[in-house]
Amino acid sequence: MSHLRIAPEPEPPPPYEVTATPGWPPIAIPGRPGWWRHCINGQQVDLPSQTPSE
């Protein structure tokens, strides 16, 4: 079966910035398991929990 060729691996999509927004729940950060992005006093804060007080 010399007519079969292996297709090249597709390129992964480019990374994107995760942005927390006031009034919405925290966002899980891709590629960083267990970390969540929060919007606290208008600032983007990464914490190892979904609850900012922990």
N, C-alpha and C. Protein backbone atom coordinates (compact mmCIF):
# COMPACT_ATOMS: atom_id res chain seq x y z
N MET A 1 0.83 -1.19 0.00
CA MET A 1 0.00 0.00 0.00
C MET A 1 0.87 1.25 0.00
N SER A 2 1.59 1.43 -1.03
CA SER A 2 2.50 2.55 -1.11
C SER A 2 1.78 3.88 -1.39
N HIS A 3 0.49 3.84 -1.66
CA HIS A 3 -0.23 5.08 -1.96
C HIS A 3 -0.73 5.79 -0.70
N LEU A 4 -0.57 5.20 0.47
CA LEU A 4 -1.01 5.83 1.71
C LEU A 4 0.11 6.69 2.29
N ARG A 5 -0.25 7.88 2.74
CA ARG A 5 0.72 8.77 3.38
C ARG A 5 0.17 9.20 4.74
N ILE A 6 1.05 9.41 5.66
CA ILE A 6 0.64 9.89 6.98
C ILE A 6 0.57 11.41 6.93
N ALA A 7 -0.58 11.95 7.36
CA ALA A 7 -0.76 13.40 7.36
C ALA A 7 0.05 14.02 8.49
N PRO A 8 0.62 15.20 8.28
CA PRO A 8 1.37 15.86 9.36
C PRO A 8 0.43 16.26 10.50
N GLU A 9 0.99 16.34 11.69
CA GLU A 9 0.20 16.75 12.85
C GLU A 9 -0.24 18.21 12.66
N PRO A 10 -1.50 18.51 12.96
CA PRO A 10 -1.92 19.91 12.86
C PRO A 10 -1.26 20.74 13.97
N GLU A 11 -1.04 22.01 13.69
CA GLU A 11 -0.44 22.89 14.69
C GLU A 11 -1.46 23.17 15.78
N PRO A 12 -1.02 23.22 17.03
CA PRO A 12 -1.98 23.55 18.10
C PRO A 12 -2.42 25.00 17.98
N PRO A 13 -3.61 25.30 18.47
CA PRO A 13 -4.06 26.69 18.38
C PRO A 13 -3.19 27.59 19.26
N PRO A 14 -3.09 28.85 18.93
CA PRO A 14 -2.27 29.75 19.75
C PRO A 14 -2.91 29.93 21.14
N PRO A 15 -2.10 30.18 22.17
CA PRO A 15 -2.67 30.40 23.50
C PRO A 15 -3.49 31.69 23.52
N TYR A 16 -4.42 31.75 24.42
CA TYR A 16 -5.24 32.95 24.54
C TYR A 16 -5.25 33.41 26.00
N GLU A 17 -5.44 34.68 26.19
CA GLU A 17 -5.47 35.26 27.53
C GLU A 17 -6.85 35.03 28.14
N VAL A 18 -6.88 34.50 29.34
CA VAL A 18 -8.13 34.29 30.06
C VAL A 18 -8.37 35.53 30.91
N THR A 19 -9.55 36.13 30.77
CA THR A 19 -9.85 37.37 31.49
C THR A 19 -11.08 37.18 32.36
N ALA A 20 -10.91 37.40 33.66
CA ALA A 20 -12.05 37.38 34.58
C ALA A 20 -12.79 38.70 34.45
N THR A 21 -14.10 38.67 34.67
CA THR A 21 -14.93 39.85 34.54
C THR A 21 -15.74 40.06 35.82
N PRO A 22 -15.85 41.28 36.29
CA PRO A 22 -16.64 41.52 37.50
C PRO A 22 -18.06 40.98 37.35
N GLY A 23 -18.56 40.35 38.40
CA GLY A 23 -19.92 39.82 38.38
C GLY A 23 -20.04 38.41 37.84
N TRP A 24 -18.94 37.86 37.31
CA TRP A 24 -18.96 36.49 36.79
C TRP A 24 -18.12 35.60 37.69
N PRO A 25 -18.37 34.28 37.68
CA PRO A 25 -17.57 33.38 38.52
C PRO A 25 -16.13 33.29 38.02
N PRO A 26 -15.21 32.80 38.88
CA PRO A 26 -13.82 32.65 38.45
C PRO A 26 -13.70 31.69 37.26
N ILE A 27 -12.59 31.80 36.54
CA ILE A 27 -12.35 31.02 35.33
C ILE A 27 -11.16 30.10 35.57
N ALA A 28 -11.30 28.81 35.23
CA ALA A 28 -10.18 27.87 35.32
C ALA A 28 -9.14 28.26 34.28
N ILE A 29 -7.88 28.30 34.69
CA ILE A 29 -6.81 28.71 33.79
C ILE A 29 -6.31 27.50 33.01
N PRO A 30 -6.42 27.50 31.67
CA PRO A 30 -5.96 26.37 30.88
C PRO A 30 -4.45 26.15 31.06
N GLY A 31 -4.05 24.91 31.19
CA GLY A 31 -2.64 24.59 31.31
C GLY A 31 -2.08 24.77 32.71
N ARG A 32 -2.92 25.21 33.64
CA ARG A 32 -2.48 25.38 35.02
C ARG A 32 -3.55 24.77 35.94
N PRO A 33 -3.59 23.44 36.02
CA PRO A 33 -4.65 22.77 36.78
C PRO A 33 -4.73 23.25 38.23
N GLY A 34 -5.94 23.48 38.69
CA GLY A 34 -6.18 23.87 40.06
C GLY A 34 -6.09 25.37 40.31
N TRP A 35 -5.76 26.17 39.30
CA TRP A 35 -5.66 27.62 39.47
C TRP A 35 -6.84 28.30 38.80
N TRP A 36 -7.29 29.39 39.40
CA TRP A 36 -8.46 30.12 38.91
C TRP A 36 -8.15 31.60 38.82
N ARG A 37 -8.67 32.24 37.77
CA ARG A 37 -8.48 33.68 37.60
C ARG A 37 -9.71 34.38 38.16
N HIS A 38 -9.46 35.36 39.03
CA HIS A 38 -10.51 36.15 39.67
C HIS A 38 -10.34 37.61 39.28
N CYS A 39 -11.43 38.35 39.36
CA CYS A 39 -11.38 39.80 39.19
C CYS A 39 -11.67 40.39 40.57
N ILE A 40 -10.62 40.85 41.26
CA ILE A 40 -10.75 41.40 42.60
C ILE A 40 -10.36 42.86 42.56
N ASN A 41 -11.31 43.72 42.90
CA ASN A 41 -11.10 45.18 42.85
C ASN A 41 -10.56 45.63 41.49
N GLY A 42 -11.10 45.03 40.42
CA GLY A 42 -10.70 45.41 39.07
C GLY A 42 -9.37 44.84 38.60
N GLN A 43 -8.72 44.02 39.44
CA GLN A 43 -7.42 43.44 39.09
C GLN A 43 -7.58 41.95 38.76
N GLN A 44 -6.81 41.46 37.79
CA GLN A 44 -6.78 40.04 37.47
C GLN A 44 -5.86 39.35 38.47
N VAL A 45 -6.40 38.39 39.23
CA VAL A 45 -5.64 37.70 40.26
C VAL A 45 -5.78 36.20 40.06
N ASP A 46 -4.65 35.47 40.01
CA ASP A 46 -4.66 34.01 39.89
C ASP A 46 -4.50 33.41 41.27
N LEU A 47 -5.46 32.55 41.66
CA LEU A 47 -5.43 31.90 42.97
C LEU A 47 -5.62 30.40 42.82
N PRO A 48 -5.09 29.61 43.76
CA PRO A 48 -5.23 28.16 43.67
C PRO A 48 -6.56 27.65 44.20
N SER A 49 -7.62 28.46 44.11
CA SER A 49 -8.94 28.06 44.59
C SER A 49 -10.00 28.86 43.87
N GLN A 50 -11.23 28.33 43.86
CA GLN A 50 -12.34 29.06 43.25
C GLN A 50 -12.86 30.15 44.17
N THR A 51 -12.53 30.05 45.46
CA THR A 51 -13.01 31.03 46.45
C THR A 51 -11.87 31.99 46.77
N PRO A 52 -12.03 33.28 46.52
CA PRO A 52 -10.92 34.22 46.74
C PRO A 52 -10.45 34.31 48.19
N SER A 53 -11.31 33.98 49.16
CA SER A 53 -10.92 34.13 50.56
C SER A 53 -10.05 32.99 51.07
N GLU A 54 -9.92 31.91 50.30
CA GLU A 54 -9.11 30.76 50.75
C GLU A 54 -7.64 30.98 50.49
